[in-house]
Protein backbone atom coordinates (compact mmCIF):
# COMPACT_ATOMS: atom_id res chain seq x y z
CA MET A 1 0.00 0.00 0.00
CA ALA A 2 1.50 3.33 -1.04
CA LYS A 3 1.57 6.30 1.26
CA SER A 4 -0.74 9.27 0.93
CA ASN A 5 0.74 12.27 -0.87
CA GLN A 6 -1.09 14.69 1.41
CA ILE A 7 1.06 16.74 3.78
CA SER A 8 -0.38 16.96 7.28
CA GLU A 9 -0.11 19.95 9.59
CA TYR A 10 2.52 18.04 11.59
CA GLU A 11 4.90 17.54 8.65
CA PHE A 12 7.67 19.73 7.29
CA ASN A 13 10.07 19.39 4.38
CA LEU A 14 13.66 18.57 5.32
CA ASP A 15 16.28 18.95 2.61
CA LEU A 16 19.01 16.41 3.35
CA ARG A 17 22.25 17.70 1.86
CA ASP A 18 25.56 15.95 1.28
CA THR A 19 24.05 12.45 1.15
CA PHE A 20 24.75 9.80 -1.42
CA ARG A 21 22.24 7.50 -3.10
CA SER A 22 22.23 3.72 -2.84
CA LEU A 23 21.39 2.55 -6.37
CA SER A 24 19.73 -0.81 -6.99
CA TYR A 25 20.15 -3.37 -9.76
CA TYR A 26 19.27 -6.99 -10.45
CA HIS A 27 22.03 -9.57 -10.26
CA THR A 28 21.99 -13.14 -11.57
CA ASP A 29 24.55 -15.60 -10.22
CA GLU A 30 26.83 -17.65 -12.44
CA GLU A 31 24.52 -20.67 -12.27
CA GLY A 32 21.74 -18.65 -13.89
CA GLY A 33 19.42 -18.75 -10.88
CA ASP A 34 16.78 -16.21 -9.87
CA LYS A 35 17.59 -12.54 -10.14
CA GLN A 36 18.46 -10.87 -6.83
CA LEU A 37 18.09 -7.19 -6.04
CA LYS A 38 21.41 -5.63 -5.01
CA PHE A 39 22.40 -2.14 -3.86
CA ASP A 40 25.55 -0.16 -4.50
CA PRO A 41 26.70 1.17 -2.12
CA PRO A 42 24.90 -0.94 0.51
CA VAL A 43 21.72 0.56 1.95
CA TYR A 44 23.17 0.75 5.47
CA GLN A 45 25.84 3.15 4.23
CA ALA A 46 23.16 5.38 2.70
CA ARG A 47 21.32 5.36 6.07
CA TYR A 48 24.48 6.43 7.86
CA SER A 49 25.11 9.14 5.28
CA ALA A 50 21.57 10.53 5.71
CA ILE A 51 21.87 10.54 9.51
CA ASN A 52 25.27 12.20 9.38
CA SER A 53 23.91 14.90 7.07
CA ILE A 54 21.34 15.75 9.76
CA LEU A 55 24.03 15.97 12.43
CA THR A 56 26.14 18.25 10.22
CA MET A 57 23.48 20.68 9.00
CA LYS A 58 25.19 24.05 9.37
CA GLU A 59 22.15 25.65 11.01
CA TRP A 60 22.00 22.98 13.74
CA ILE A 61 25.69 22.34 14.47
CA PRO A 62 25.93 24.84 17.39
CA HIS A 63 22.98 23.14 19.10
CA ILE A 64 24.09 19.51 18.79
CA LYS A 65 26.64 18.29 21.31
CA LYS A 66 25.22 15.08 22.80
CA VAL A 67 23.95 12.19 20.66
CA THR A 68 22.30 9.01 21.95
CA GLU A 69 21.93 5.92 19.78
CA PHE A 70 19.60 3.13 20.92
CA GLY A 71 20.11 -0.34 19.49
CA CYS A 72 23.67 0.46 18.45
CA ALA A 73 24.55 -3.27 18.16
CA ASP A 74 28.14 -3.51 16.79
CA MET A 75 28.64 0.27 17.02
CA SER A 76 29.23 0.84 13.31
CA LEU A 77 27.55 4.25 13.15
CA VAL A 78 29.72 5.77 15.87
CA LEU A 79 32.80 5.21 13.70
CA LEU A 80 31.35 7.77 11.29
CA ILE A 81 29.61 10.36 13.45
CA ARG A 82 32.45 10.81 15.94
CA ARG A 83 34.47 12.46 13.17
CA ASN A 84 32.24 15.51 13.63
CA ASP A 85 34.21 17.92 15.81
CA HIS A 86 31.14 19.61 17.30
CA LEU A 87 29.96 16.40 19.03
CA GLN A 88 31.23 16.13 22.60
CA HIS A 89 29.25 13.23 24.10
CA ILE A 90 28.01 10.07 22.37
CA LEU A 91 25.94 7.40 24.14
CA GLN A 92 25.79 3.88 22.71
CA ILE A 93 22.98 1.81 24.20
CA ASP A 94 21.89 -1.78 23.54
CA ILE A 95 20.27 -4.66 25.45
CA ASP A 96 22.92 -7.13 24.23
CA ASP A 97 25.81 -6.48 26.59
CA GLU A 98 27.90 -9.34 25.21
CA LEU A 99 27.74 -7.80 21.73
CA LEU A 100 28.80 -4.43 23.12
CA LYS A 101 31.77 -5.97 24.93
CA ARG A 102 32.83 -7.80 21.77
CA PHE A 103 33.03 -4.53 19.83
CA GLU A 104 34.37 -2.35 22.66
CA GLN A 105 37.34 -1.24 20.55
CA ARG A 106 35.01 0.58 18.13
CA ALA A 107 34.10 3.03 20.88
CA ALA A 108 37.78 3.80 21.60
CA PRO A 109 40.05 6.27 19.77
CA LEU A 110 41.96 4.91 16.79
CA THR A 111 45.64 5.57 16.16
CA TRP A 112 44.99 8.36 13.65
CA GLU A 113 42.80 10.13 16.20
CA TYR A 114 45.87 10.59 18.38
CA LEU A 115 47.84 11.97 15.43
CA SER A 116 45.06 14.21 14.08
CA ARG A 117 43.42 15.44 17.25
CA ARG A 118 39.95 16.85 17.62
CA LYS A 119 39.24 20.50 18.35
CA LEU A 120 36.84 19.70 21.23
CA PRO A 121 36.73 16.92 23.83
CA LEU A 122 34.64 13.82 23.15
CA ILE A 123 33.48 11.09 25.51
CA THR A 124 31.84 7.88 24.30
CA ASP A 125 29.80 6.07 26.96
CA VAL A 126 28.52 2.55 26.25
CA TYR A 127 25.53 1.37 28.30
CA HIS A 128 23.63 -1.85 28.73
CA GLY A 129 20.11 -0.39 28.54
CA SER A 130 16.75 -0.32 26.78
CA VAL A 131 15.01 2.20 24.53
CA ASP A 132 11.80 2.15 26.63
CA SER A 133 13.40 2.80 30.01
CA PRO A 134 14.39 6.22 31.41
CA HIS A 135 17.78 6.87 33.00
CA GLU A 136 19.58 10.01 34.10
CA CYS A 137 22.35 9.41 31.55
CA LEU A 138 19.82 10.14 28.78
CA LEU A 139 19.08 13.67 29.95
CA ASP A 140 20.35 16.59 27.86
CA SER A 141 20.59 14.43 24.73
CA ASP A 142 20.31 16.74 21.72
CA VAL A 143 19.76 13.96 19.19
CA VAL A 144 18.33 10.44 19.57
CA ILE A 145 18.98 7.88 16.83
CA CYS A 146 17.27 4.51 16.28
CA VAL A 147 18.56 2.74 13.16
CA GLU A 148 16.45 -0.26 12.08
CA LEU A 149 15.42 -0.81 15.70
CA ILE A 150 11.66 -0.43 16.13
CA GLU A 151 10.82 -3.49 14.00
CA HIS A 152 12.74 -5.65 16.50
CA LEU A 153 10.74 -4.45 19.51
CA PHE A 154 8.03 -6.38 21.31
CA PRO A 155 4.66 -4.58 21.42
CA GLU A 156 5.02 -3.36 25.01
CA THR A 157 8.50 -1.96 24.36
CA GLU A 158 7.41 -0.27 21.13
CA GLN A 159 4.42 1.33 22.89
CA ASN A 160 6.59 2.71 25.71
CA LEU A 161 9.29 4.05 23.36
CA PRO A 162 7.59 7.41 22.57
CA GLN A 163 7.08 8.14 26.28
CA ASN A 164 10.76 7.63 27.05
CA ILE A 165 12.12 9.55 24.06
CA PHE A 166 9.61 12.39 23.60
CA GLY A 167 8.26 12.61 27.14
CA PHE A 168 11.41 12.04 29.21
CA ILE A 169 14.48 12.80 27.04
CA LYS A 170 12.81 15.50 24.89
CA PRO A 171 15.66 15.73 22.35
CA LYS A 172 15.92 18.49 19.80
CA ILE A 173 16.00 15.89 17.01
CA ALA A 174 15.05 12.20 16.84
CA VAL A 175 15.71 9.95 13.85
CA PHE A 176 14.15 6.55 13.17
CA THR A 177 14.73 4.23 10.23
CA THR A 178 12.79 1.04 9.49
CA PRO A 179 12.19 -1.29 6.50
CA ASN A 180 9.56 -0.23 3.98
CA ALA A 181 7.09 -3.11 3.60
CA ASP A 182 5.83 -1.70 0.28
CA PHE A 183 9.30 -2.28 -1.17
CA ASN A 184 9.42 -5.96 -0.17
CA ILE A 185 7.66 -7.14 -3.32
CA LEU A 186 10.87 -6.38 -5.22
CA PHE A 187 12.82 -8.88 -3.11
CA GLY A 188 10.52 -11.78 -3.96
CA SER A 189 9.41 -14.30 -1.36
CA SER A 190 10.98 -14.12 2.09
CA LYS A 191 13.27 -16.92 3.25
CA PHE A 192 12.04 -16.50 6.84
CA GLU A 193 8.93 -18.02 8.34
CA ASN A 194 7.65 -14.64 9.54
CA GLY A 195 7.65 -13.37 5.95
CA PHE A 196 9.87 -10.38 6.83
CA ARG A 197 13.42 -9.38 5.87
CA HIS A 198 14.88 -10.69 9.13
CA GLU A 199 13.87 -13.55 11.38
CA ASP A 200 13.82 -11.27 14.46
CA HIS A 201 11.47 -8.67 12.95
CA LYS A 202 8.19 -8.41 14.84
CA PHE A 203 6.56 -6.29 12.10
CA GLU A 204 7.37 -4.25 9.01
CA TRP A 205 5.35 -1.14 8.22
CA THR A 206 4.12 0.20 4.93
CA GLN A 207 4.82 3.83 4.09
CA GLN A 208 1.35 4.86 5.23
CA GLN A 209 1.63 2.94 8.51
CA PHE A 210 4.99 4.55 9.24
CA LYS A 211 3.65 8.01 8.46
CA ASP A 212 0.62 7.39 10.71
CA TRP A 213 2.93 6.29 13.54
CA ALA A 214 5.02 9.44 13.18
CA GLN A 215 1.95 11.68 13.05
CA ASN A 216 0.43 10.07 16.14
CA ILE A 217 3.63 10.84 18.05
CA CYS A 218 3.38 14.51 17.06
CA ILE A 219 -0.28 14.60 18.09
CA ARG A 220 0.68 13.16 21.46
CA TYR A 221 3.72 15.43 21.79
CA PRO A 222 2.75 18.68 19.97
CA ASN A 223 6.17 20.30 20.39
CA TYR A 224 7.45 18.10 17.56
CA ARG A 225 7.08 18.03 13.80
CA PHE A 226 8.22 15.24 11.48
CA SER A 227 9.60 14.69 7.98
CA VAL A 228 9.58 11.35 6.17
CA SER A 229 12.26 10.39 3.65
CA GLY A 230 14.08 7.23 2.61
CA VAL A 231 17.21 5.60 1.21
CA GLY A 232 17.77 2.73 -1.20
CA GLU A 233 16.63 3.64 -4.70
CA LEU A 234 14.11 1.75 -6.80
CA PRO A 235 15.43 -0.32 -9.70
CA THR A 236 14.81 0.93 -13.24
CA ASP A 237 11.16 0.87 -14.38
CA ALA A 238 9.83 0.00 -10.89
CA ASP A 239 6.64 1.64 -9.62
CA GLU A 240 7.58 4.90 -7.85
CA GLN A 241 4.71 4.39 -5.39
CA LEU A 242 6.75 1.60 -3.77
CA GLY A 243 9.07 4.21 -2.26
CA LYS A 244 12.59 3.58 -0.95
CA CYS A 245 14.01 0.38 0.53
CA SER A 246 14.41 1.90 4.00
CA GLN A 247 12.20 4.71 5.29
CA MET A 248 13.29 7.39 7.73
CA ALA A 249 11.32 9.71 10.01
CA THR A 250 13.06 12.80 11.40
CA PHE A 251 11.33 14.44 14.36
CA VAL A 252 12.39 18.02 15.10
CA ARG A 253 11.38 20.10 18.11
CA LYS A 254 9.49 23.19 16.99
CA ASP A 255 12.03 25.60 18.47
CA MET A 256 14.69 24.15 16.12
CA LEU A 257 12.72 24.66 12.93
CA PRO A 258 13.23 28.45 12.61
CA LEU A 259 16.96 27.83 12.32
CA LEU A 260 16.37 26.19 8.93
CA ASN A 261 14.89 29.45 7.67
CA GLY A 262 17.95 31.50 8.58
CA LEU A 263 16.34 33.20 11.57
CA ASP A 264 18.48 34.38 14.46
CA ALA A 265 19.36 31.69 16.96
CA THR A 266 20.98 31.55 20.37
CA ASP A 267 23.30 28.95 21.81
CA ASP A 268 20.66 28.00 24.37
CA VAL A 269 17.69 26.52 22.55
CA THR A 270 15.06 25.44 25.07
CA PRO A 271 11.79 23.63 24.33
CA PRO A 272 8.76 25.94 24.08
CA VAL A 273 5.82 25.57 26.42
CA ASP A 274 2.74 24.20 24.70
CA GLU A 275 -0.57 24.44 26.57
CA SER A 276 -1.57 21.04 25.27
CA ASP A 277 1.63 19.46 26.56
CA THR A 278 1.85 20.75 30.12
CA GLU A 279 0.89 17.53 31.87
CA GLU A 280 3.79 16.00 33.78
CA VAL A 281 5.05 12.68 32.46
CA VAL A 282 5.08 10.12 35.27
CA PHE A 283 7.15 6.99 34.76
CA PRO A 284 6.83 3.68 36.56
CA ILE A 285 9.85 2.27 38.35
CA GLU A 286 12.69 1.87 35.88
CA LYS A 287 12.01 -1.39 34.04
CA PHE A 288 15.49 -1.98 32.69
CA LYS A 289 18.50 -1.44 34.92
CA TYR A 290 21.11 0.61 33.06
CA LYS A 291 24.76 -0.32 33.47
CA LEU A 292 27.78 1.63 32.20
CA LEU A 293 30.02 -0.93 30.53
CA PHE A 294 32.87 1.39 29.54
CA SER A 295 33.67 5.01 28.85
CA LYS A 296 36.24 6.28 26.33
CA GLU A 297 37.83 9.73 26.20
CA PHE A 298 39.24 11.05 22.94
CA PRO A 299 42.42 13.15 22.65
CA TYR A 300 41.98 16.75 21.57
CA ASP A 301 43.91 19.99 21.16
CA GLN A 302 42.44 22.91 23.03
CA ASP A 303 42.01 26.00 20.86
CA SER A 304 42.35 29.15 22.96
CA ARG A 305 41.08 31.46 20.20
CA SER A 306 37.75 33.21 20.62
CA LEU A 307 34.90 32.48 18.20
CA ASP A 308 35.53 35.80 16.43
CA GLU A 309 39.20 34.96 16.01
CA LYS A 310 38.41 31.53 14.57
CA ILE A 311 35.98 32.98 12.06
CA LEU A 312 38.34 35.78 11.03
CA ASP A 313 41.19 33.32 10.59
CA ASP A 314 39.01 31.18 8.32
CA VAL A 315 37.97 34.27 6.34
CA LYS A 316 41.62 35.28 5.87
CA TYR A 317 42.49 31.75 4.80
CA PHE A 318 39.69 31.79 2.20
CA ILE A 319 40.80 35.17 0.84
CA ASN A 320 44.48 34.25 0.66
CA ARG A 321 43.69 30.93 -0.97
CA HIS A 322 41.70 32.52 -3.79
CA LEU A 323 43.62 35.78 -4.12
CA TYR A 324 45.72 34.83 -7.15
CA ASP A 325 44.42 31.55 -8.47
CA ASP A 326 40.80 32.50 -9.22
CA ASP A 327 39.86 35.26 -11.68
CA LEU A 328 36.23 34.81 -10.63
CA TYR A 329 36.72 37.24 -7.73
CA PHE A 330 39.00 39.79 -9.46
CA ASP A 331 37.62 43.16 -10.63
CA GLN A 332 40.06 44.54 -13.20
CA GLU A 333 38.53 48.05 -13.28
CA LYS A 334 38.96 48.55 -9.54
CA ASN A 335 42.05 46.33 -9.33
CA ILE A 336 40.59 44.59 -6.26
CA CYS A 337 39.18 41.20 -5.38
CA GLU A 338 35.55 40.90 -4.29
CA PHE A 339 34.58 37.78 -2.32
CA PRO A 340 30.81 37.20 -1.88
CA VAL A 341 29.97 36.80 1.81
CA GLU A 342 27.78 33.79 1.05
CA ASP A 343 30.73 32.03 -0.64
CA ILE A 344 32.86 32.64 2.42
CA PHE A 345 30.06 31.49 4.75
CA ARG A 346 29.98 28.06 3.10
CA HIS A 347 33.67 27.56 3.92
CA VAL A 348 33.80 28.93 7.48
CA HIS A 349 33.28 25.98 9.78
CA ASP A 350 32.57 27.86 13.00
CA ALA A 351 30.01 30.29 11.55
CA SER A 352 26.39 29.18 11.85
CA ASP A 353 24.62 32.50 11.28
CA LEU A 354 25.23 34.59 8.16
CA ASN A 355 24.38 37.95 9.76
CA GLU A 356 26.58 37.21 12.74
CA MET A 357 29.47 36.39 10.44
CA ARG A 358 28.99 39.67 8.54
CA SER A 359 29.32 41.67 11.74
CA ILE A 360 32.52 39.82 12.64
CA ILE A 361 34.00 40.32 9.17
CA ARG A 362 33.36 44.08 9.35
CA LYS A 363 35.77 44.31 12.26
CA GLU A 364 38.69 43.88 9.86
CA PHE A 365 37.29 44.04 6.32
CA VAL A 366 35.03 46.20 4.17
CA ILE A 367 31.77 44.67 2.88
CA ASN A 368 30.51 46.64 -0.12
CA ASP A 369 26.96 47.18 -1.38
CA LYS A 370 27.20 43.95 -3.41
CA ASP A 371 27.64 42.03 -0.14
CA CYS A 372 31.22 41.23 -1.05
CA VAL A 373 34.38 41.48 1.02
CA GLU A 374 36.79 43.86 -0.71
CA HIS A 375 40.48 43.09 -0.66
CA LYS A 376 43.20 45.02 -2.49
CA LEU A 377 45.97 43.10 -4.13
CA PRO A 378 49.42 43.61 -2.58
CA GLU A 379 51.42 46.33 -4.35
CA GLU A 380 54.19 45.14 -6.63
CA SER A 381 57.76 45.77 -5.52
CA GLY A 382 59.38 48.85 -7.15
CA SER A 383 62.72 47.08 -7.75
CA GLU A 384 63.76 46.37 -11.34
CA PHE A 385 65.91 43.48 -10.31
CA SER A 386 64.98 39.98 -9.36
CA GLU A 387 65.94 38.31 -6.14
CA TYR A 388 68.77 36.69 -8.03
CA ASP A 389 70.41 40.04 -8.89
CA ASP A 390 73.10 41.70 -6.77
CA GLU A 391 72.97 45.30 -5.61
CA ASP A 392 74.61 46.60 -8.80
CA GLY A 393 72.08 44.93 -11.03
CA GLU A 394 74.48 42.32 -12.30
CA ASP A 395 73.44 38.71 -12.36
CA VAL A 396 74.71 36.72 -9.47
CA LYS A 397 76.79 33.89 -10.75
CA HIS A 398 75.87 30.60 -9.09
CA VAL A 399 78.67 28.09 -9.41
CA GLU A 400 77.30 24.58 -9.15
CA ASP A 401 80.53 22.73 -9.84
CA ALA A 402 83.80 24.21 -8.68
CA GLU A 403 85.76 21.45 -10.32
CA ASP A 404 86.13 23.36 -13.63
CA GLU A 405 88.10 26.08 -11.87
CA ASP A 406 90.06 23.87 -9.49
CA LYS A 407 91.23 21.10 -11.81
CA ASP A 408 94.49 21.39 -13.65
CA GLU A 409 94.57 20.37 -17.27
CA VAL A 410 97.32 18.74 -19.35
CA SER A 411 97.63 18.73 -23.09
CA THR A 412 97.36 15.54 -25.07
CA GLU A 413 98.98 14.71 -28.38
CA ASN A 414 95.85 15.66 -30.35
CA GLY A 415 95.65 19.05 -28.70
CA SER A 416 92.75 18.21 -26.38
CA SER A 417 93.01 18.65 -22.69
CA LYS A 418 91.94 16.52 -19.74
CA PRO A 419 91.93 17.11 -16.01
CA VAL A 420 94.66 15.75 -13.83
CA THR A 421 93.22 13.26 -11.38
CA THR A 422 94.76 12.50 -8.07
CA ALA A 423 94.79 8.89 -6.93
CA ASP A 424 93.83 7.88 -3.45
CA PRO A 425 96.90 6.41 -1.71
CA ASP A 426 94.63 4.15 0.32
CA ASP A 427 93.12 2.58 -2.82
CA GLU A 428 94.29 -1.02 -3.15
CA ASP A 429 94.27 -0.78 -6.97
CA TRP A 430 96.69 2.15 -6.98
CA ASP A 431 100.20 1.39 -8.31
């Protein structure tokens, strides 16, 4: 069953940038058996790419420091997201403590992370815990991630999940991915008795069921809005109504949405008070006892520069980099370079607000009426001589081999000359 194309009042459009597509194709083995649907790159990599693009959206970076992943399993995702310098605390949580212990090394710094150190501290805490149970370690999580988790949950756990995440944790962003049941027809018959993609799946939702689940959460917790997307492209000539292989719902707290529209933001984004959401959430006694299995600290180099200094240094780097090698910014009539502020903004890592960056740039540079930073080219030296000339203007003579001046020459019978060589008295072949 295909999803409805109608956009509800609880939905918003989220443009995921810097993600790659997982393309599908049919593959037949050498024995000429049935065709199998394959993806390149694998769908899980496309999921990780989509999630990482959310964590690295320029408008949200200043407000994302702590990330919690439920159902982390072998901790593959953390290997990618911990490369983001703005993250300072990552929680990995799963009910399979033996699996977590087996892959403990994935939560620890790698050799290159000691050589190329982070700009900010990072701690990775790995817990034996459950997605439906509250714990103090979950508080202050900015982002909650559940990758292909909900379809593994028993009904009671799945029903309690929204209360723990949206009622207790109240993150700024929550991301869920799950298989798209509409897409399953392209895989053929299931090899598992439950008819699903995995023998441990308790259910698999159609696009409409997933959208209904997301909308019901927003009705229950009105401070959130959601956007549905997916990864894993359809094969050629397949019905577009089948959607993507894996579907993804991104829940965003309403106070974070204005940031996407370029409105002013502060470093302290707090959830708004909604009259329909003022009732206190009361939890029963913690059902699953959390246990910290291990905690890993990452090496980092402390940067003592202020935010203004960091931004100005990046601006100067951008200008110097493009000063001579890019005619795009050079105005021949004025004999100056003009760098659009928006171009600079895309390359300044620490700037999250365009207007704020403009005010910082004006402390040392001129921004003209075309919203460009003006920069004069350095004046040419008045000297007529190159650096290889002496003070009198005569070429400096560089002698690479002194042997032509030092060697004596003797005449031969045919009038040619050859240098006199001196034998080494310690040479055994010398007579």
